[in-house]
Amino acid sequence: MSAFGNVGSSDPLRIWGGVVAWPIEGERETLALIELEPDSVVPEHSHENEQVGMLVRGSMTFRIGDERRELRSGETWVIPSGTPHDVVTGPDGAALIEVFVPGRGDWAALDRVPGRRPRPLS
């Protein structure tokens, strides 16, 4: 297996309604390109994984614990393990890059979205 790849070479996982992810799995972490459709809602949830991310396109309102913020491209976040969080995207949707430690082994059970490719980030 090669150490190199292309994020768009596989079908994405359906994470929530209106939310898909192209994961890249390391031995102990998951890196993912995640796209959210316009006006998508990711309901409050939490998980054991620490989550670090950056918004690369679009806008969203992100609540982490007791803090809520409207985010634009280039803004970042850190979510400690077990912290409740939720997201609502703006009218243009959003694309983000996130890292999860430990990796998202639970995503292996999710369905794939055949034929979907990521929008260009630039």
PDB file of N, CA and C in Angstrom:
ATOM      1  N   MET A   1       0.843  -1.185   0.000  1.00  0.00           N
ATOM      2  CA  MET A   1       0.000   0.000   0.000  1.00  0.00           C
ATOM      3  C   MET A   1       0.885   1.243   0.000  1.00  0.00           C
ATOM      4  N   SER A   2       0.531   2.210  -0.825  1.00  0.00           N
ATOM      5  CA  SER A   2       1.314   3.435  -0.949  1.00  0.00           C
ATOM      6  C   SER A   2       1.067   4.375   0.228  1.00  0.00           C
ATOM      7  N   ALA A   3       2.064   5.176   0.533  1.00  0.00           N
ATOM      8  CA  ALA A   3       1.926   6.207   1.564  1.00  0.00           C
ATOM      9  C   ALA A   3       1.180   7.427   1.031  1.00  0.00           C
ATOM     10  N   PHE A   4       0.912   7.467  -0.297  1.00  0.00           N
ATOM     11  CA  PHE A   4       0.268   8.620  -0.916  1.00  0.00           C
ATOM     12  C   PHE A   4      -1.134   8.260  -1.404  1.00  0.00           C
ATOM     13  N   GLY A   5      -1.979   9.264  -1.559  1.00  0.00           N
ATOM     14  CA  GLY A   5      -3.324   9.023  -2.044  1.00  0.00           C
ATOM     15  C   GLY A   5      -3.951  10.297  -2.563  1.00  0.00           C
ATOM     16  N   ASN A   6      -5.245  10.229  -2.864  1.00  0.00           N
ATOM     17  CA  ASN A   6      -5.998  11.373  -3.349  1.00  0.00           C
ATOM     18  C   ASN A   6      -7.359  11.350  -2.670  1.00  0.00           C
ATOM     19  N   VAL A   7      -7.711  12.414  -1.997  1.00  0.00           N
ATOM     20  CA  VAL A   7      -8.937  12.450  -1.200  1.00  0.00           C
ATOM     21  C   VAL A   7     -10.183  12.161  -2.033  1.00  0.00           C
ATOM     22  N   GLY A   8     -10.186  12.479  -3.298  1.00  0.00           N
ATOM     23  CA  GLY A   8     -11.365  12.270  -4.134  1.00  0.00           C
ATOM     24  C   GLY A   8     -11.413  10.928  -4.832  1.00  0.00           C
ATOM     25  N   SER A   9     -10.490  10.033  -4.527  1.00  0.00           N
ATOM     26  CA  SER A   9     -10.435   8.756  -5.245  1.00  0.00           C
ATOM     27  C   SER A   9     -11.381   7.699  -4.671  1.00  0.00           C
ATOM     28  N   SER A  10     -12.050   7.990  -3.564  1.00  0.00           N
ATOM     29  CA  SER A  10     -13.002   7.033  -2.997  1.00  0.00           C
ATOM     30  C   SER A  10     -14.336   7.727  -2.753  1.00  0.00           C
ATOM     31  N   ASP A  11     -15.370   6.936  -2.593  1.00  0.00           N
ATOM     32  CA  ASP A  11     -16.693   7.479  -2.280  1.00  0.00           C
ATOM     33  C   ASP A  11     -16.712   7.924  -0.820  1.00  0.00           C
ATOM     34  N   PRO A  12     -17.348   9.064  -0.523  1.00  0.00           N
ATOM     35  CA  PRO A  12     -17.376   9.552   0.858  1.00  0.00           C
ATOM     36  C   PRO A  12     -18.347   8.762   1.735  1.00  0.00           C
ATOM     37  N   LEU A  13     -18.182   8.933   3.028  1.00  0.00           N
ATOM     38  CA  LEU A  13     -19.093   8.363   4.018  1.00  0.00           C
ATOM     39  C   LEU A  13     -20.208   9.356   4.316  1.00  0.00           C
ATOM     40  N   ARG A  14     -21.425   8.855   4.517  1.00  0.00           N
ATOM     41  CA  ARG A  14     -22.534   9.711   4.944  1.00  0.00           C
ATOM     42  C   ARG A  14     -22.485   9.768   6.472  1.00  0.00           C
ATOM     43  N   ILE A  15     -22.107  10.937   7.019  1.00  0.00           N
ATOM     44  CA  ILE A  15     -21.962  11.097   8.472  1.00  0.00           C
ATOM     45  C   ILE A  15     -23.306  11.457   9.099  1.00  0.00           C
ATOM     46  N   TRP A  16     -23.970  12.470   8.556  1.00  0.00           N
ATOM     47  CA  TRP A  16     -25.309  12.907   8.971  1.00  0.00           C
ATOM     48  C   TRP A  16     -26.043  13.251   7.680  1.00  0.00           C
ATOM     49  N   GLY A  17     -27.331  13.541   7.768  1.00  0.00           N
ATOM     50  CA  GLY A  17     -28.035  14.052   6.601  1.00  0.00           C
ATOM     51  C   GLY A  17     -27.388  15.356   6.153  1.00  0.00           C
ATOM     52  N   GLY A  18     -26.987  15.438   4.888  1.00  0.00           N
ATOM     53  CA  GLY A  18     -26.350  16.649   4.371  1.00  0.00           C
ATOM     54  C   GLY A  18     -24.884  16.790   4.716  1.00  0.00           C
ATOM     55  N   VAL A  19     -24.277  15.751   5.314  1.00  0.00           N
ATOM     56  CA  VAL A  19     -22.867  15.815   5.733  1.00  0.00           C
ATOM     57  C   VAL A  19     -22.152  14.553   5.259  1.00  0.00           C
ATOM     58  N   VAL A  20     -21.093  14.743   4.442  1.00  0.00           N
ATOM     59  CA  VAL A  20     -20.280  13.613   3.980  1.00  0.00           C
ATOM     60  C   VAL A  20     -18.814  13.865   4.307  1.00  0.00           C
ATOM     61  N   ALA A  21     -18.055  12.766   4.410  1.00  0.00           N
ATOM     62  CA  ALA A  21     -16.634  12.876   4.761  1.00  0.00           C
ATOM     63  C   ALA A  21     -15.804  11.910   3.936  1.00  0.00           C
ATOM     64  N   TRP A  22     -14.635  12.389   3.529  1.00  0.00           N
ATOM     65  CA  TRP A  22     -13.624  11.572   2.887  1.00  0.00           C
ATOM     66  C   TRP A  22     -12.505  11.367   3.914  1.00  0.00           C
ATOM     67  N   PRO A  23     -12.503  10.241   4.617  1.00  0.00           N
ATOM     68  CA  PRO A  23     -11.497  10.032   5.663  1.00  0.00           C
ATOM     69  C   PRO A  23     -10.182   9.489   5.113  1.00  0.00           C
ATOM     70  N   ILE A  24      -9.101   9.872   5.755  1.00  0.00           N
ATOM     71  CA  ILE A  24      -7.775   9.301   5.534  1.00  0.00           C
ATOM     72  C   ILE A  24      -7.353   8.746   6.885  1.00  0.00           C
ATOM     73  N   GLU A  25      -7.162   7.434   6.944  1.00  0.00           N
ATOM     74  CA  GLU A  25      -6.910   6.763   8.216  1.00  0.00           C
ATOM     75  C   GLU A  25      -5.421   6.536   8.442  1.00  0.00           C
ATOM     76  N   GLY A  26      -4.920   7.026   9.565  1.00  0.00           N
ATOM     77  CA  GLY A  26      -3.588   6.700  10.021  1.00  0.00           C
ATOM     78  C   GLY A  26      -3.675   5.573  11.031  1.00  0.00           C
ATOM     79  N   GLU A  27      -2.581   5.225  11.614  1.00  0.00           N
ATOM     80  CA  GLU A  27      -2.583   4.160  12.609  1.00  0.00           C
ATOM     81  C   GLU A  27      -3.356   4.565  13.859  1.00  0.00           C
ATOM     82  N   ARG A  28      -3.243   5.854  14.265  1.00  0.00           N
ATOM     83  CA  ARG A  28      -3.872   6.310  15.505  1.00  0.00           C
ATOM     84  C   ARG A  28      -4.771   7.525  15.337  1.00  0.00           C
ATOM     85  N   GLU A  29      -4.953   8.008  14.114  1.00  0.00           N
ATOM     86  CA  GLU A  29      -5.746   9.209  13.897  1.00  0.00           C
ATOM     87  C   GLU A  29      -6.519   9.108  12.592  1.00  0.00           C
ATOM     88  N   THR A  30      -7.534   9.970  12.466  1.00  0.00           N
ATOM     89  CA  THR A  30      -8.296  10.113  11.225  1.00  0.00           C
ATOM     90  C   THR A  30      -8.233  11.575  10.809  1.00  0.00           C
ATOM     91  N   LEU A  31      -7.843  11.817   9.566  1.00  0.00           N
ATOM     92  CA  LEU A  31      -7.915  13.137   8.938  1.00  0.00           C
ATOM     93  C   LEU A  31      -9.079  13.049   7.965  1.00  0.00           C
ATOM     94  N   ALA A  32      -9.918  14.079   7.902  1.00  0.00           N
ATOM     95  CA  ALA A  32     -11.073  14.012   7.005  1.00  0.00           C
ATOM     96  C   ALA A  32     -11.355  15.354   6.356  1.00  0.00           C
ATOM     97  N   LEU A  33     -11.698  15.292   5.069  1.00  0.00           N
ATOM     98  CA  LEU A  33     -12.311  16.409   4.375  1.00  0.00           C
ATOM     99  C   LEU A  33     -13.807  16.197   4.544  1.00  0.00           C
ATOM    100  N   ILE A  34     -14.493  17.188   5.093  1.00  0.00           N
ATOM    101  CA  ILE A  34     -15.923  17.074   5.367  1.00  0.00           C
ATOM    102  C   ILE A  34     -16.656  18.195   4.645  1.00  0.00           C
ATOM    103  N   GLU A  35     -17.706  17.820   3.909  1.00  0.00           N
ATOM    104  CA  GLU A  35     -18.548  18.802   3.238  1.00  0.00           C
ATOM    105  C   GLU A  35     -19.950  18.763   3.838  1.00  0.00           C
ATOM    106  N   LEU A  36     -20.478  19.949   4.104  1.00  0.00           N
ATOM    107  CA  LEU A  36     -21.820  20.093   4.644  1.00  0.00           C
ATOM    108  C   LEU A  36     -22.647  20.907   3.653  1.00  0.00           C
ATOM    109  N   GLU A  37     -23.824  20.429   3.335  1.00  0.00           N
ATOM    110  CA  GLU A  37     -24.705  21.134   2.416  1.00  0.00           C
ATOM    111  C   GLU A  37     -25.206  22.432   3.050  1.00  0.00           C
ATOM    112  N   PRO A  38     -25.729  23.367   2.224  1.00  0.00           N
ATOM    113  CA  PRO A  38     -26.285  24.608   2.773  1.00  0.00           C
ATOM    114  C   PRO A  38     -27.361  24.334   3.817  1.00  0.00           C
ATOM    115  N   ASP A  39     -27.342  25.124   4.870  1.00  0.00           N
ATOM    116  CA  ASP A  39     -28.330  25.061   5.950  1.00  0.00           C
ATOM    117  C   ASP A  39     -28.433  23.685   6.604  1.00  0.00           C
ATOM    118  N   SER A  40     -27.324  22.958   6.633  1.00  0.00           N
ATOM    119  CA  SER A  40     -27.283  21.648   7.302  1.00  0.00           C
ATOM    120  C   SER A  40     -27.225  21.833   8.812  1.00  0.00           C
ATOM    121  N   VAL A  41     -27.742  20.841   9.520  1.00  0.00           N
ATOM    122  CA  VAL A  41     -27.694  20.833  10.979  1.00  0.00           C
ATOM    123  C   VAL A  41     -27.016  19.545  11.422  1.00  0.00           C
ATOM    124  N   VAL A  42     -25.958  19.686  12.192  1.00  0.00           N
ATOM    125  CA  VAL A  42     -25.341  18.544  12.870  1.00  0.00           C
ATOM    126  C   VAL A  42     -25.803  18.651  14.314  1.00  0.00           C
ATOM    127  N   PRO A  43     -26.654  17.716  14.756  1.00  0.00           N
ATOM    128  CA  PRO A  43     -27.209  17.835  16.104  1.00  0.00           C
ATOM    129  C   PRO A  43     -26.145  17.669  17.184  1.00  0.00           C
ATOM    130  N   GLU A  44     -26.476  18.145  18.380  1.00  0.00           N
ATOM    131  CA  GLU A  44     -25.535  18.018  19.489  1.00  0.00           C
ATOM    132  C   GLU A  44     -25.124  16.551  19.672  1.00  0.00           C
ATOM    133  N   HIS A  45     -23.830  16.356  19.843  1.00  0.00           N
ATOM    134  CA  HIS A  45     -23.276  15.041  20.105  1.00  0.00           C
ATOM    135  C   HIS A  45     -21.914  15.208  20.760  1.00  0.00           C
ATOM    136  N   SER A  46     -21.368  14.124  21.240  1.00  0.00           N
ATOM    137  CA  SER A  46     -20.005  14.122  21.767  1.00  0.00           C
ATOM    138  C   SER A  46     -19.420  12.748  21.501  1.00  0.00           C
ATOM    139  N   HIS A  47     -18.103  12.639  21.593  1.00  0.00           N
ATOM    140  CA  HIS A  47     -17.427  11.368  21.351  1.00  0.00           C
ATOM    141  C   HIS A  47     -16.103  11.373  22.083  1.00  0.00           C
ATOM    142  N   GLU A  48     -15.504  10.199  22.180  1.00  0.00           N
ATOM    143  CA  GLU A  48     -14.228  10.071  22.886  1.00  0.00           C
ATOM    144  C   GLU A  48     -13.072  10.750  22.157  1.00  0.00           C
ATOM    145  N   ASN A  49     -13.228  11.000  20.858  1.00  0.00           N
ATOM    146  CA  ASN A  49     -12.148  11.534  20.037  1.00  0.00           C
ATOM    147  C   ASN A  49     -11.937  13.021  20.268  1.00  0.00           C
ATOM    148  N   GLU A  50     -10.685  13.426  20.472  1.00  0.00           N
ATOM    149  CA  GLU A  50     -10.363  14.847  20.403  1.00  0.00           C
ATOM    150  C   GLU A  50     -10.509  15.241  18.946  1.00  0.00           C
ATOM    151  N   GLN A  51     -10.999  16.451  18.685  1.00  0.00           N
ATOM    152  CA  GLN A  51     -11.306  16.894  17.327  1.00  0.00           C
ATOM    153  C   GLN A  51     -10.696  18.280  17.124  1.00  0.00           C
ATOM    154  N   VAL A  52      -9.899  18.406  16.075  1.00  0.00           N
ATOM    155  CA  VAL A  52      -9.257  19.676  15.731  1.00  0.00           C
ATOM    156  C   VAL A  52      -9.594  19.960  14.275  1.00  0.00           C
ATOM    157  N   GLY A  53     -10.003  21.192  13.967  1.00  0.00           N
ATOM    158  CA  GLY A  53     -10.401  21.452  12.597  1.00  0.00           C
ATOM    159  C   GLY A  53     -10.179  22.874  12.134  1.00  0.00           C
ATOM    160  N   MET A  54     -10.381  23.037  10.797  1.00  0.00           N
ATOM    161  CA  MET A  54     -10.266  24.346  10.157  1.00  0.00           C
ATOM    162  C   MET A  54     -11.309  24.424   9.051  1.00  0.00           C
ATOM    163  N   LEU A  55     -12.037  25.539   9.012  1.00  0.00           N
ATOM    164  CA  LEU A  55     -13.005  25.794   7.958  1.00  0.00           C
ATOM    165  C   LEU A  55     -12.260  26.295   6.726  1.00  0.00           C
ATOM    166  N   VAL A  56     -12.476  25.643   5.584  1.00  0.00           N
ATOM    167  CA  VAL A  56     -11.773  26.055   4.367  1.00  0.00           C
ATOM    168  C   VAL A  56     -12.681  26.713   3.337  1.00  0.00           C
ATOM    169  N   ARG A  57     -14.003  26.540   3.489  1.00  0.00           N
ATOM    170  CA  ARG A  57     -14.931  27.191   2.561  1.00  0.00           C
ATOM    171  C   ARG A  57     -16.292  27.302   3.231  1.00  0.00           C
ATOM    172  N   GLY A  58     -16.990  28.407   2.988  1.00  0.00           N
ATOM    173  CA  GLY A  58     -18.343  28.586   3.507  1.00  0.00           C
ATOM    174  C   GLY A  58     -18.366  29.227   4.880  1.00  0.00           C
ATOM    175  N   SER A  59     -19.477  28.994   5.579  1.00  0.00           N
ATOM    176  CA  SER A  59     -19.634  29.541   6.927  1.00  0.00           C
ATOM    177  C   SER A  59     -20.483  28.576   7.746  1.00  0.00           C
ATOM    178  N   MET A  60     -20.341  28.690   9.058  1.00  0.00           N
ATOM    179  CA  MET A  60     -21.147  27.861   9.946  1.00  0.00           C
ATOM    180  C   MET A  60     -21.143  28.453  11.344  1.00  0.00           C
ATOM    181  N   THR A  61     -22.192  28.132  12.075  1.00  0.00           N
ATOM    182  CA  THR A  61     -22.260  28.478  13.487  1.00  0.00           C
ATOM    183  C   THR A  61     -21.929  27.217  14.249  1.00  0.00           C
ATOM    184  N   PHE A  62     -20.905  27.301  15.091  1.00  0.00           N
ATOM    185  CA  PHE A  62     -20.384  26.133  15.801  1.00  0.00           C
ATOM    186  C   PHE A  62     -20.534  26.388  17.288  1.00  0.00           C
ATOM    187  N   ARG A  63     -21.134  25.423  17.997  1.00  0.00           N
ATOM    188  CA  ARG A  63     -21.200  25.496  19.452  1.00  0.00           C
ATOM    189  C   ARG A  63     -20.362  24.362  20.005  1.00  0.00           C
ATOM    190  N   ILE A  64     -19.422  24.732  20.860  1.00  0.00           N
ATOM    191  CA  ILE A  64     -18.557  23.768  21.537  1.00  0.00           C
ATOM    192  C   ILE A  64     -18.705  24.040  23.026  1.00  0.00           C
ATOM    193  N   GLY A  65     -19.260  23.069  23.749  1.00  0.00           N
ATOM    194  CA  GLY A  65     -19.521  23.293  25.171  1.00  0.00           C
ATOM    195  C   GLY A  65     -20.464  24.472  25.337  1.00  0.00           C
ATOM    196  N   ASP A  66     -20.038  25.481  26.094  1.00  0.00           N
ATOM    197  CA  ASP A  66     -20.867  26.671  26.341  1.00  0.00           C
ATOM    198  C   ASP A  66     -20.535  27.837  25.420  1.00  0.00           C
ATOM    199  N   GLU A  67     -19.662  27.628  24.438  1.00  0.00           N
ATOM    200  CA  GLU A  67     -19.231  28.713  23.558  1.00  0.00           C
ATOM    201  C   GLU A  67     -19.802  28.519  22.154  1.00  0.00           C
ATOM    202  N   ARG A  68     -20.365  29.598  21.593  1.00  0.00           N
ATOM    203  CA  ARG A  68     -20.934  29.561  20.241  1.00  0.00           C
ATOM    204  C   ARG A  68     -20.261  30.650  19.413  1.00  0.00           C
ATOM    205  N   ARG A  69     -19.931  30.311  18.161  1.00  0.00           N
ATOM    206  CA  ARG A  69     -19.260  31.290  17.313  1.00  0.00           C
ATOM    207  C   ARG A  69     -19.639  31.073  15.855  1.00  0.00           C
ATOM    208  N   GLU A  70     -19.791  32.179  15.121  1.00  0.00           N
ATOM    209  CA  GLU A  70     -19.975  32.155  13.665  1.00  0.00           C
ATOM    210  C   GLU A  70     -18.576  32.089  13.046  1.00  0.00           C
ATOM    211  N   LEU A  71     -18.316  31.067  12.225  1.00  0.00           N
ATOM    212  CA  LEU A  71     -16.986  30.862  11.652  1.00  0.00           C
ATOM    213  C   LEU A  71     -16.975  31.108  10.157  1.00  0.00           C
ATOM    214  N   ARG A  72     -15.845  31.625   9.680  1.00  0.00           N
ATOM    215  CA  ARG A  72     -15.583  31.857   8.252  1.00  0.00           C
ATOM    216  C   ARG A  72     -14.305  31.121   7.872  1.00  0.00           C
ATOM    217  N   SER A  73     -14.013  31.071   6.586  1.00  0.00           N
ATOM    218  CA  SER A  73     -12.814  30.372   6.095  1.00  0.00           C
ATOM    219  C   SER A  73     -11.564  30.794   6.846  1.00  0.00           C
ATOM    220  N   GLY A  74     -10.749  29.804   7.207  1.00  0.00           N
ATOM    221  CA  GLY A  74      -9.490  30.053   7.898  1.00  0.00           C
ATOM    222  C   GLY A  74      -9.591  29.956   9.407  1.00  0.00           C
ATOM    223  N   GLU A  75     -10.814  29.943   9.948  1.00  0.00           N
ATOM    224  CA  GLU A  75     -10.951  29.843  11.400  1.00  0.00           C
ATOM    225  C   GLU A  75     -10.856  28.382  11.839  1.00  0.00           C
ATOM    226  N   THR A  76     -10.414  28.185  13.078  1.00  0.00           N
ATOM    227  CA  THR A  76     -10.098  26.861  13.597  1.00  0.00           C
ATOM    228  C   THR A  76     -10.832  26.576  14.903  1.00  0.00           C
ATOM    229  N   TRP A  77     -10.807  25.313  15.345  1.00  0.00           N
ATOM    230  CA  TRP A  77     -11.408  24.913  16.606  1.00  0.00           C
ATOM    231  C   TRP A  77     -10.697  23.693  17.175  1.00  0.00           C
ATOM    232  N   VAL A  78     -10.857  23.522  18.470  1.00  0.00           N
ATOM    233  CA  VAL A  78     -10.360  22.357  19.191  1.00  0.00           C
ATOM    234  C   VAL A  78     -11.491  21.893  20.110  1.00  0.00           C
ATOM    235  N   ILE A  79     -11.844  20.619  20.000  1.00  0.00           N
ATOM    236  CA  ILE A  79     -12.912  20.056  20.826  1.00  0.00           C
ATOM    237  C   ILE A  79     -12.306  18.956  21.684  1.00  0.00           C
ATOM    238  N   PRO A  80     -12.232  19.164  22.993  1.00  0.00           N
ATOM    239  CA  PRO A  80     -11.714  18.104  23.865  1.00  0.00           C
ATOM    240  C   PRO A  80     -12.628  16.877  23.855  1.00  0.00           C
ATOM    241  N   SER A  81     -12.074  15.746  24.165  1.00  0.00           N
ATOM    242  CA  SER A  81     -12.814  14.496  24.266  1.00  0.00           C
ATOM    243  C   SER A  81     -14.027  14.664  25.181  1.00  0.00           C
ATOM    244  N   GLY A  82     -15.178  14.149  24.740  1.00  0.00           N
ATOM    245  CA  GLY A  82     -16.380  14.159  25.560  1.00  0.00           C
ATOM    246  C   GLY A  82     -17.147  15.462  25.613  1.00  0.00           C
ATOM    247  N   THR A  83     -16.721  16.489  24.870  1.00  0.00           N
ATOM    248  CA  THR A  83     -17.380  17.805  24.928  1.00  0.00           C
ATOM    249  C   THR A  83     -18.539  17.876  23.936  1.00  0.00           C
ATOM    250  N   PRO A  84     -19.752  18.219  24.383  1.00  0.00           N
ATOM    251  CA  PRO A  84     -20.883  18.345  23.463  1.00  0.00           C
ATOM    252  C   PRO A  84     -20.653  19.481  22.463  1.00  0.00           C
ATOM    253  N   HIS A  85     -21.069  19.252  21.220  1.00  0.00           N
ATOM    254  CA  HIS A  85     -20.929  20.275  20.181  1.00  0.00           C
ATOM    255  C   HIS A  85     -21.989  20.055  19.111  1.00  0.00           C
ATOM    256  N   ASP A  86     -22.314  21.137  18.376  1.00  0.00           N
ATOM    257  CA  ASP A  86     -23.254  21.068  17.259  1.00  0.00           C
ATOM    258  C   ASP A  86     -22.907  22.144  16.247  1.00  0.00           C
ATOM    259  N   VAL A  87     -23.451  22.007  15.031  1.00  0.00           N
ATOM    260  CA  VAL A  87     -23.116  22.901  13.920  1.00  0.00           C
ATOM    261  C   VAL A  87     -24.370  23.185  13.098  1.00  0.00           C
ATOM    262  N   VAL A  88     -24.472  24.426  12.595  1.00  0.00           N
ATOM    263  CA  VAL A  88     -25.454  24.802  11.589  1.00  0.00           C
ATOM    264  C   VAL A  88     -24.690  25.551  10.507  1.00  0.00           C
ATOM    265  N   THR A  89     -24.805  25.105   9.246  1.00  0.00           N
ATOM    266  CA  THR A  89     -24.078  25.784   8.169  1.00  0.00           C
ATOM    267  C   THR A  89     -24.876  26.960   7.630  1.00  0.00           C
ATOM    268  N   GLY A  90     -24.165  27.831   6.934  1.00  0.00           N
ATOM    269  CA  GLY A  90     -24.781  28.981   6.292  1.00  0.00           C
ATOM    270  C   GLY A  90     -25.389  28.612   4.949  1.00  0.00           C
ATOM    271  N   PRO A  91     -25.843  29.611   4.183  1.00  0.00           N
ATOM    272  CA  PRO A  91     -26.549  29.372   2.928  1.00  0.00           C
ATOM    273  C   PRO A  91     -25.682  28.786   1.819  1.00  0.00           C
ATOM    274  N   ASP A  92     -24.353  28.851   1.972  1.00  0.00           N
ATOM    275  CA  ASP A  92     -23.450  28.283   0.962  1.00  0.00           C
ATOM    276  C   ASP A  92     -22.870  26.948   1.400  1.00  0.00           C
ATOM    277  N   GLY A  93     -23.281  26.428   2.544  1.00  0.00           N
ATOM    278  CA  GLY A  93     -22.696  25.190   3.045  1.00  0.00           C
ATOM    279  C   GLY A  93     -21.306  25.439   3.582  1.00  0.00           C
ATOM    280  N   ALA A  94     -20.538  24.362   3.728  1.00  0.00           N
ATOM    281  CA  ALA A  94     -19.194  24.495   4.289  1.00  0.00           C
ATOM    282  C   ALA A  94     -18.337  23.293   3.902  1.00  0.00           C
ATOM    283  N   ALA A  95     -17.040  23.525   3.850  1.00  0.00           N
ATOM    284  CA  ALA A  95     -16.051  22.455   3.699  1.00  0.00           C
ATOM    285  C   ALA A  95     -15.012  22.673   4.784  1.00  0.00           C
ATOM    286  N   LEU A  96     -14.618  21.589   5.439  1.00  0.00           N
ATOM    287  CA  LEU A  96     -13.648  21.702   6.519  1.00  0.00           C
ATOM    288  C   LEU A  96     -12.726  20.503   6.541  1.00  0.00           C
ATOM    289  N   ILE A  97     -11.598  20.702   7.180  1.00  0.00           N
ATOM    290  CA  ILE A  97     -10.615  19.648   7.396  1.00  0.00           C
ATOM    291  C   ILE A  97     -10.582  19.400   8.893  1.00  0.00           C
ATOM    292  N   GLU A  98     -10.710  18.121   9.290  1.00  0.00           N
ATOM    293  CA  GLU A  98     -10.669  17.801  10.709  1.00  0.00           C
ATOM    294  C   GLU A  98      -9.756  16.608  10.964  1.00  0.00           C
ATOM    295  N   VAL A  99      -9.166  16.619  12.164  1.00  0.00           N
ATOM    296  CA  VAL A  99      -8.351  15.513  12.643  1.00  0.00           C
ATOM    297  C   VAL A  99      -8.994  14.991  13.916  1.00  0.00           C
ATOM    298  N   PHE A 100      -9.106  13.669  14.023  1.00  0.00           N
ATOM    299  CA  PHE A 100      -9.674  13.008  15.196  1.00  0.00           C
ATOM    300  C   PHE A 100      -8.633  12.069  15.792  1.00  0.00           C
ATOM    301  N   VAL A 101      -8.439  12.186  17.105  1.00  0.00           N
ATOM    302  CA  VAL A 101      -7.517  11.302  17.825  1.00  0.00           C
ATOM    303  C   VAL A 101      -8.233  10.803  19.063  1.00  0.00           C
ATOM    304  N   PRO A 102      -8.365   9.491  19.292  1.00  0.00           N
ATOM    305  CA  PRO A 102      -7.972   8.435  18.364  1.00  0.00           C
ATOM    306  C   PRO A 102      -8.821   8.471  17.101  1.00  0.00           C
ATOM    307  N   GLY A 103      -8.431   7.683  16.116  1.00  0.00           N
ATOM    308  CA  GLY A 103      -9.136   7.647  14.838  1.00  0.00           C
ATOM    309  C   GLY A 103     -10.599   7.244  14.993  1.00  0.00           C
ATOM    310  N   ARG A 104     -11.376   7.528  13.959  1.00  0.00           N
ATOM    311  CA  ARG A 104     -12.824   7.276  13.970  1.00  0.00           C
ATOM    312  C   ARG A 104     -13.140   5.859  13.488  1.00  0.00           C
ATOM    313  N   GLY A 105     -12.769   4.870  14.272  1.00  0.00           N
ATOM    314  CA  GLY A 105     -13.089   3.491  13.955  1.00  0.00           C
ATOM    315  C   GLY A 105     -14.577   3.253  13.798  1.00  0.00           C
ATOM    316  N   ASP A 106     -15.403   4.045  14.499  1.00  0.00           N
ATOM    317  CA  ASP A 106     -16.856   3.901  14.408  1.00  0.00           C
ATOM    318  C   ASP A 106     -17.391   4.256  13.024  1.00  0.00           C
ATOM    319  N   TRP A 107     -16.633   4.997  12.220  1.00  0.00           N
ATOM    320  CA  TRP A 107     -17.082   5.355  10.880  1.00  0.00           C
ATOM    321  C   TRP A 107     -17.086   4.156   9.926  1.00  0.00           C
ATOM    322  N   ALA A 108     -16.404   3.073  10.261  1.00  0.00           N
ATOM    323  CA  ALA A 108     -16.344   1.904   9.380  1.00  0.00           C
ATOM    324  C   ALA A 108     -17.736   1.340   9.103  1.00  0.00           C
ATOM    325  N   ALA A 109     -18.690   1.558   9.982  1.00  0.00           N
ATOM    326  CA  ALA A 109     -20.046   1.024   9.814  1.00  0.00           C
ATOM    327  C   ALA A 109     -20.949   1.945   8.984  1.00  0.00           C
ATOM    328  N   LEU A 110     -20.472   3.116   8.595  1.00  0.00           N
ATOM    329  CA  LEU A 110     -21.305   4.073   7.869  1.00  0.00           C
ATOM    330  C   LEU A 110     -21.410   3.719   6.384  1.00  0.00           C
ATOM    331  N   ASP A 111     -22.496   4.178   5.760  1.00  0.00           N
ATOM    332  CA  ASP A 111     -22.711   3.960   4.329  1.00  0.00           C
ATOM    333  C   ASP A 111     -21.877   4.922   3.501  1.00  0.00           C
ATOM    334  N   ARG A 112     -21.508   4.477   2.316  1.00  0.00           N
ATOM    335  CA  ARG A 112     -20.804   5.315   1.340  1.00  0.00           C
ATOM    336  C   ARG A 112     -21.821   5.981   0.410  1.00  0.00           C
ATOM    337  N   VAL A 113     -21.430   7.114  -0.175  1.00  0.00           N
ATOM    338  CA  VAL A 113     -22.256   7.832  -1.145  1.00  0.00           C
ATOM    339  C   VAL A 113     -21.604   7.624  -2.507  1.00  0.00           C
ATOM    340  N   PRO A 114     -22.115   6.708  -3.319  1.00  0.00           N
ATOM    341  CA  PRO A 114     -21.463   6.374  -4.586  1.00  0.00           C
ATOM    342  C   PRO A 114     -21.381   7.560  -5.547  1.00  0.00           C
ATOM    343  N   GLY A 115     -20.212   7.704  -6.164  1.00  0.00           N
ATOM    344  CA  GLY A 115     -20.019   8.682  -7.227  1.00  0.00           C
ATOM    345  C   GLY A 115     -19.834  10.130  -6.809  1.00  0.00           C
ATOM    346  N   ARG A 116     -19.937  10.446  -5.552  1.00  0.00           N
ATOM    347  CA  ARG A 116     -19.781  11.844  -5.097  1.00  0.00           C
ATOM    348  C   ARG A 116     -18.307  12.176  -5.000  1.00  0.00           C
ATOM    349  N   ARG A 117     -17.913  13.314  -5.519  1.00  0.00           N
ATOM    350  CA  ARG A 117     -16.533  13.788  -5.445  1.00  0.00           C
ATOM    351  C   ARG A 117     -16.509  15.131  -4.733  1.00  0.00           C
ATOM    352  N   PRO A 118     -15.428  15.453  -4.042  1.00  0.00           N
ATOM    353  CA  PRO A 118     -15.368  16.737  -3.333  1.00  0.00           C
ATOM    354  C   PRO A 118     -15.284  17.916  -4.297  1.00  0.00           C
ATOM    355  N   ARG A 119     -15.864  19.026  -3.874  1.00  0.00           N
ATOM    356  CA  ARG A 119     -15.704  20.268  -4.634  1.00  0.00           C
ATOM    357  C   ARG A 119     -14.275  20.758  -4.460  1.00  0.00           C
ATOM    358  N   PRO A 120     -13.718  21.419  -5.466  1.00  0.00           N
ATOM    359  CA  PRO A 120     -12.361  21.970  -5.300  1.00  0.00           C
ATOM    360  C   PRO A 120     -12.283  22.923  -4.118  1.00  0.00           C
ATOM    361  N   LEU A 121     -11.192  22.889  -3.395  1.00  0.00           N
ATOM    362  CA  LEU A 121     -11.027  23.734  -2.207  1.00  0.00           C
ATOM    363  C   LEU A 121     -10.549  25.135  -2.565  1.00  0.00           C
ATOM    364  N   SER A 122      -9.989  25.306  -3.736  1.00  0.00           N
ATOM    365  CA  SER A 122      -9.472  26.642  -4.090  1.00  0.00           C
ATOM    366  C   SER A 122     -10.424  27.401  -4.961  1.00  0.00           C
TER     367      SER A 122
END
